[in-house]
Amino acid sequence: MARITVEDCLSQIGNENRFSLIHLGVARVKQHRKGQPFLVKAKNKEIVTTLREIAAGKVTFDNIQTMGQPPEVAAEKGSELEPQVGETN
């Protein structure tokens, strides 16, 4: 099995900040510990499997908040991020 590297993960998320990568990984591990299944098959510890998910592009900063939520809730959160017509700041 190929080795996963931090550089693979950083290039996938489009950010050279390792601190951001750690936050993304921790958020995903917490989701897994609450019962969310992994998105890739691996016989590794949860943090390594999480890094494999990130390197595969299945976990990003854009989708981490909506992963594992019912579709209705995920749609509501997605619409909160989009500006509404006629809305002013």
Protein backbone atom coordinates (compact mmCIF):
# COMPACT_ATOMS: atom_id res chain seq x y z
CA MET A 1 0.00 0.00 0.00
CA ALA A 2 1.31 3.44 -0.88
CA ARG A 3 2.47 5.73 1.89
CA ILE A 4 0.46 8.85 2.59
CA THR A 5 2.42 12.07 2.97
CA VAL A 6 1.60 15.44 4.41
CA GLU A 7 2.59 17.00 1.09
CA ASP A 8 -0.12 14.96 -0.69
CA CYS A 9 -2.71 16.30 1.72
CA LEU A 10 -1.49 19.90 1.53
CA SER A 11 -1.56 19.89 -2.27
CA GLN A 12 -5.08 18.43 -2.24
CA ILE A 13 -6.54 21.07 0.08
CA GLY A 14 -4.71 23.85 -1.77
CA ASN A 15 -3.14 25.25 1.35
CA GLU A 16 0.49 25.11 2.46
CA ASN A 17 -0.46 25.64 6.10
CA ARG A 18 0.08 22.44 8.10
CA PHE A 19 -1.85 23.94 11.01
CA SER A 20 -4.97 24.10 8.81
CA LEU A 21 -4.44 20.49 7.79
CA ILE A 22 -4.34 19.47 11.46
CA HIS A 23 -7.64 21.26 12.13
CA LEU A 24 -9.28 19.54 9.17
CA GLY A 25 -7.97 16.15 10.28
CA VAL A 26 -9.08 16.61 13.88
CA ALA A 27 -12.57 17.66 12.79
CA ARG A 28 -12.87 14.51 10.66
CA VAL A 29 -11.57 12.20 13.41
CA LYS A 30 -14.14 13.70 15.80
CA GLN A 31 -16.87 12.94 13.26
CA HIS A 32 -15.66 9.35 13.01
CA ARG A 33 -15.65 8.96 16.79
CA LYS A 34 -19.29 10.11 16.80
CA GLY A 35 -20.18 7.29 14.40
CA GLN A 36 -19.55 8.56 10.88
CA PRO A 37 -18.03 5.91 8.60
CA PHE A 38 -14.78 6.47 6.75
CA LEU A 39 -15.02 7.29 3.05
CA VAL A 40 -12.02 5.18 2.03
CA LYS A 41 -11.17 1.59 2.86
CA ALA A 42 -7.98 1.25 4.91
CA LYS A 43 -6.61 -0.90 7.68
CA ASN A 44 -4.91 1.97 9.46
CA LYS A 45 -5.43 3.98 12.59
CA GLU A 46 -8.15 6.62 12.34
CA ILE A 47 -5.79 9.58 11.82
CA VAL A 48 -3.98 7.84 8.95
CA THR A 49 -7.30 6.88 7.36
CA THR A 50 -8.42 10.50 7.74
CA LEU A 51 -5.27 11.68 5.96
CA ARG A 52 -6.03 9.17 3.20
CA GLU A 53 -9.52 10.69 2.87
CA ILE A 54 -8.02 14.18 2.61
CA ALA A 55 -5.39 13.09 0.06
CA ALA A 56 -8.14 11.42 -2.01
CA GLY A 57 -10.11 14.68 -2.07
CA LYS A 58 -13.10 13.24 -0.22
CA VAL A 59 -12.70 15.54 2.82
CA THR A 60 -12.21 19.28 2.29
CA PHE A 61 -12.77 22.50 4.18
CA ASP A 62 -15.86 23.04 2.00
CA ASN A 63 -17.62 19.78 2.89
CA ILE A 64 -16.40 18.97 6.41
CA GLN A 65 -19.25 20.87 8.11
CA THR A 66 -22.01 19.11 6.17
CA MET A 67 -20.58 15.57 6.23
CA GLY A 68 -22.65 13.13 8.22
CA GLN A 69 -25.69 15.35 8.54
CA PRO A 70 -29.14 14.56 7.16
CA PRO A 71 -29.61 16.01 3.65
CA GLU A 72 -32.13 18.61 4.88
CA VAL A 73 -29.70 19.99 7.45
CA ALA A 74 -26.80 19.95 4.98
CA ALA A 75 -28.92 21.86 2.44
CA GLU A 76 -29.86 24.46 5.05
CA LYS A 77 -26.23 25.00 6.03
CA GLY A 78 -25.25 25.28 2.38
CA SER A 79 -27.93 27.91 1.76
CA GLU A 80 -26.77 29.90 4.79
CA LEU A 81 -23.41 30.33 3.10
CA GLU A 82 -24.92 31.65 -0.13
CA PRO A 83 -26.12 35.27 -0.18
CA GLN A 84 -29.86 35.64 -0.67
CA VAL A 85 -31.36 37.85 -3.39
CA GLY A 86 -32.05 41.32 -2.05
CA GLU A 87 -29.88 40.78 1.00
CA THR A 88 -27.59 43.64 1.97
CA ASN A 89 -24.72 43.73 4.40
